[in-house]
Amino acid sequence: MQISEFQRHIEDVYGVRDRERGISASVAWLAEEVGELAQAIRKGTHEQRFHEFGDVIAWTFSLANQVDIDIEEALKRYMTNPP
């Protein structure tokens, strides 16, 4: 799967609902998921880590859609000029 494919999929499946929720609430959801990922990494199982990585990535993509950011373009700097 291409990054752009996944970003479109997230938009198709969650775009309307997440826009209705709003950016502030979506940021809060993402922060919660990052916390759950941190806990899973510290004390969780491989299955829990697997699940939480997916959640963090999906919320990141949803938030990017809401603020009109192309994730693939945003990631290019890591290929061309890594920080």
N, C-alpha and C. Protein backbone atom coordinates (compact mmCIF):
# COMPACT_ATOMS: atom_id res chain seq x y z
N MET A 1 0.84 -1.17 0.00
CA MET A 1 0.00 0.00 0.00
C MET A 1 0.90 1.25 0.00
N GLN A 2 0.52 2.21 -0.78
CA GLN A 2 1.23 3.49 -0.83
C GLN A 2 0.72 4.40 0.29
N ILE A 3 1.56 5.30 0.73
CA ILE A 3 1.16 6.26 1.76
C ILE A 3 -0.04 7.07 1.31
N SER A 4 -0.02 7.55 0.08
CA SER A 4 -1.14 8.35 -0.42
C SER A 4 -2.44 7.54 -0.48
N GLU A 5 -2.34 6.26 -0.78
CA GLU A 5 -3.52 5.38 -0.78
C GLU A 5 -4.14 5.31 0.60
N PHE A 6 -3.29 5.13 1.59
CA PHE A 6 -3.78 5.03 2.96
C PHE A 6 -4.41 6.35 3.40
N GLN A 7 -3.79 7.46 3.04
CA GLN A 7 -4.34 8.76 3.42
C GLN A 7 -5.71 8.97 2.79
N ARG A 8 -5.88 8.58 1.54
CA ARG A 8 -7.20 8.68 0.90
C ARG A 8 -8.21 7.76 1.58
N HIS A 9 -7.77 6.56 1.94
CA HIS A 9 -8.66 5.61 2.62
C HIS A 9 -9.15 6.18 3.95
N ILE A 10 -8.24 6.75 4.72
CA ILE A 10 -8.62 7.36 6.00
C ILE A 10 -9.63 8.48 5.76
N GLU A 11 -9.40 9.27 4.74
CA GLU A 11 -10.35 10.35 4.40
C GLU A 11 -11.71 9.77 4.03
N ASP A 12 -11.71 8.75 3.20
CA ASP A 12 -12.98 8.15 2.76
C ASP A 12 -13.76 7.55 3.92
N VAL A 13 -13.08 6.90 4.82
CA VAL A 13 -13.75 6.19 5.91
C VAL A 13 -14.08 7.11 7.08
N TYR A 14 -13.17 8.01 7.45
CA TYR A 14 -13.33 8.79 8.68
C TYR A 14 -13.44 10.30 8.47
N GLY A 15 -13.24 10.78 7.25
CA GLY A 15 -13.14 12.22 7.01
C GLY A 15 -14.31 13.03 7.53
N VAL A 16 -15.52 12.67 7.17
CA VAL A 16 -16.69 13.45 7.58
C VAL A 16 -16.81 13.45 9.10
N ARG A 17 -16.75 12.29 9.69
CA ARG A 17 -16.90 12.16 11.15
C ARG A 17 -15.81 12.94 11.90
N ASP A 18 -14.56 12.82 11.43
CA ASP A 18 -13.47 13.50 12.12
C ASP A 18 -13.55 15.01 11.95
N ARG A 19 -13.99 15.49 10.80
CA ARG A 19 -14.17 16.93 10.61
C ARG A 19 -15.28 17.46 11.51
N GLU A 20 -16.35 16.68 11.67
CA GLU A 20 -17.42 17.08 12.57
C GLU A 20 -16.91 17.15 14.01
N ARG A 21 -16.04 16.24 14.37
CA ARG A 21 -15.45 16.21 15.71
C ARG A 21 -14.60 17.46 15.92
N GLY A 22 -13.86 17.86 14.88
CA GLY A 22 -13.04 19.06 14.94
C GLY A 22 -11.57 18.76 15.21
N ILE A 23 -10.75 19.74 14.88
CA ILE A 23 -9.31 19.59 15.00
C ILE A 23 -8.88 19.43 16.47
N SER A 24 -9.42 20.26 17.36
CA SER A 24 -9.01 20.18 18.77
C SER A 24 -9.30 18.81 19.36
N ALA A 25 -10.48 18.29 19.09
CA ALA A 25 -10.84 16.97 19.60
C ALA A 25 -9.99 15.88 18.96
N SER A 26 -9.67 16.05 17.69
CA SER A 26 -8.83 15.06 17.01
C SER A 26 -7.41 15.06 17.56
N VAL A 27 -6.90 16.24 17.89
CA VAL A 27 -5.58 16.32 18.52
C VAL A 27 -5.62 15.61 19.87
N ALA A 28 -6.70 15.81 20.61
CA ALA A 28 -6.83 15.13 21.91
C ALA A 28 -6.86 13.62 21.74
N TRP A 29 -7.59 13.13 20.73
CA TRP A 29 -7.63 11.69 20.46
C TRP A 29 -6.25 11.16 20.11
N LEU A 30 -5.53 11.92 19.26
CA LEU A 30 -4.18 11.50 18.88
C LEU A 30 -3.28 11.45 20.11
N ALA A 31 -3.36 12.46 20.96
CA ALA A 31 -2.54 12.47 22.17
C ALA A 31 -2.87 11.27 23.07
N GLU A 32 -4.14 10.95 23.18
CA GLU A 32 -4.53 9.79 23.97
C GLU A 32 -3.94 8.51 23.39
N GLU A 33 -3.99 8.39 22.07
CA GLU A 33 -3.45 7.20 21.42
C GLU A 33 -1.93 7.11 21.59
N VAL A 34 -1.25 8.25 21.55
CA VAL A 34 0.20 8.24 21.77
C VAL A 34 0.50 7.77 23.20
N GLY A 35 -0.31 8.21 24.15
CA GLY A 35 -0.15 7.74 25.52
C GLY A 35 -0.37 6.24 25.64
N GLU A 36 -1.38 5.74 24.94
CA GLU A 36 -1.64 4.29 24.96
C GLU A 36 -0.49 3.53 24.31
N LEU A 37 0.09 4.10 23.25
CA LEU A 37 1.24 3.46 22.61
C LEU A 37 2.43 3.43 23.57
N ALA A 38 2.67 4.54 24.25
CA ALA A 38 3.78 4.58 25.20
C ALA A 38 3.60 3.51 26.29
N GLN A 39 2.40 3.38 26.78
CA GLN A 39 2.13 2.37 27.81
C GLN A 39 2.32 0.96 27.24
N ALA A 40 1.85 0.74 26.02
CA ALA A 40 2.01 -0.58 25.39
C ALA A 40 3.48 -0.91 25.17
N ILE A 41 4.27 0.08 24.82
CA ILE A 41 5.70 -0.16 24.63
C ILE A 41 6.37 -0.50 25.95
N ARG A 42 5.98 0.20 27.00
CA ARG A 42 6.59 -0.04 28.32
C ARG A 42 6.15 -1.36 28.92
N LYS A 43 4.86 -1.65 28.86
CA LYS A 43 4.34 -2.78 29.63
C LYS A 43 3.46 -3.75 28.84
N GLY A 44 3.25 -3.47 27.58
CA GLY A 44 2.29 -4.26 26.83
C GLY A 44 2.90 -5.42 26.06
N THR A 45 2.01 -6.12 25.41
CA THR A 45 2.40 -7.25 24.57
C THR A 45 2.68 -6.75 23.14
N HIS A 46 3.25 -7.63 22.36
CA HIS A 46 3.48 -7.30 20.95
C HIS A 46 2.16 -6.96 20.27
N GLU A 47 1.12 -7.71 20.56
CA GLU A 47 -0.20 -7.46 19.97
C GLU A 47 -0.73 -6.08 20.34
N GLN A 48 -0.57 -5.68 21.59
CA GLN A 48 -1.02 -4.35 22.02
C GLN A 48 -0.22 -3.25 21.33
N ARG A 49 1.09 -3.45 21.19
CA ARG A 49 1.93 -2.47 20.48
C ARG A 49 1.49 -2.35 19.03
N PHE A 50 1.27 -3.48 18.40
CA PHE A 50 0.81 -3.53 17.01
C PHE A 50 -0.47 -2.70 16.84
N HIS A 51 -1.42 -2.92 17.72
CA HIS A 51 -2.72 -2.22 17.69
C HIS A 51 -2.53 -0.71 17.89
N GLU A 52 -1.74 -0.33 18.87
CA GLU A 52 -1.57 1.09 19.19
C GLU A 52 -0.78 1.84 18.12
N PHE A 53 0.21 1.19 17.50
CA PHE A 53 0.90 1.84 16.39
C PHE A 53 -0.10 2.17 15.28
N GLY A 54 -0.98 1.22 14.98
CA GLY A 54 -2.00 1.47 13.95
C GLY A 54 -2.89 2.63 14.31
N ASP A 55 -3.32 2.71 15.58
CA ASP A 55 -4.18 3.81 16.01
C ASP A 55 -3.48 5.16 15.87
N VAL A 56 -2.23 5.24 16.31
CA VAL A 56 -1.49 6.50 16.22
C VAL A 56 -1.33 6.93 14.77
N ILE A 57 -1.00 6.00 13.92
CA ILE A 57 -0.82 6.33 12.50
C ILE A 57 -2.14 6.78 11.88
N ALA A 58 -3.22 6.07 12.16
CA ALA A 58 -4.52 6.44 11.59
C ALA A 58 -4.95 7.83 12.05
N TRP A 59 -4.80 8.14 13.34
CA TRP A 59 -5.18 9.47 13.83
C TRP A 59 -4.28 10.54 13.25
N THR A 60 -2.99 10.24 13.07
CA THR A 60 -2.08 11.21 12.46
C THR A 60 -2.53 11.54 11.04
N PHE A 61 -2.90 10.52 10.29
CA PHE A 61 -3.35 10.73 8.92
C PHE A 61 -4.67 11.49 8.89
N SER A 62 -5.57 11.18 9.79
CA SER A 62 -6.85 11.88 9.85
C SER A 62 -6.64 13.36 10.16
N LEU A 63 -5.78 13.65 11.10
CA LEU A 63 -5.50 15.03 11.45
C LEU A 63 -4.83 15.75 10.28
N ALA A 64 -3.92 15.09 9.60
CA ALA A 64 -3.29 15.68 8.42
C ALA A 64 -4.34 16.03 7.37
N ASN A 65 -5.30 15.15 7.18
CA ASN A 65 -6.38 15.43 6.23
C ASN A 65 -7.16 16.67 6.64
N GLN A 66 -7.42 16.80 7.92
CA GLN A 66 -8.21 17.94 8.39
C GLN A 66 -7.51 19.27 8.20
N VAL A 67 -6.17 19.27 8.22
CA VAL A 67 -5.42 20.52 8.05
C VAL A 67 -4.75 20.60 6.67
N ASP A 68 -5.19 19.73 5.77
CA ASP A 68 -4.76 19.76 4.37
C ASP A 68 -3.25 19.57 4.20
N ILE A 69 -2.73 18.54 4.85
CA ILE A 69 -1.32 18.18 4.72
C ILE A 69 -1.22 16.84 4.01
N ASP A 70 -0.42 16.80 2.96
CA ASP A 70 -0.13 15.56 2.25
C ASP A 70 1.02 14.88 2.98
N ILE A 71 0.73 13.78 3.66
CA ILE A 71 1.73 13.10 4.47
C ILE A 71 2.94 12.68 3.63
N GLU A 72 2.68 12.19 2.45
CA GLU A 72 3.79 11.76 1.60
C GLU A 72 4.75 12.92 1.33
N GLU A 73 4.20 14.09 1.05
CA GLU A 73 5.04 15.27 0.84
C GLU A 73 5.77 15.66 2.13
N ALA A 74 5.08 15.59 3.25
CA ALA A 74 5.69 15.96 4.52
C ALA A 74 6.85 15.03 4.87
N LEU A 75 6.76 13.78 4.47
CA LEU A 75 7.81 12.81 4.79
C LEU A 75 9.03 12.90 3.87
N LYS A 76 8.89 13.57 2.75
CA LYS A 76 9.99 13.64 1.79
C LYS A 76 11.25 14.23 2.40
N ARG A 77 11.10 15.14 3.35
CA ARG A 77 12.30 15.75 3.94
C ARG A 77 13.15 14.71 4.67
N TYR A 78 12.53 13.64 5.13
CA TYR A 78 13.30 12.59 5.78
C TYR A 78 14.12 11.78 4.79
N MET A 79 13.76 11.88 3.51
CA MET A 79 14.52 11.22 2.46
C MET A 79 15.59 12.15 1.90
N THR A 80 15.25 13.43 1.77
CA THR A 80 16.15 14.35 1.08
C THR A 80 17.05 15.14 2.01
N ASN A 81 16.55 15.49 3.20
CA ASN A 81 17.32 16.31 4.12
C ASN A 81 16.90 15.98 5.56
N PRO A 82 17.29 14.80 6.04
CA PRO A 82 16.83 14.38 7.36
C PRO A 82 17.24 15.36 8.46
N PRO A 83 16.32 15.62 9.38
CA PRO A 83 16.65 16.55 10.48
C PRO A 83 17.69 15.96 11.42
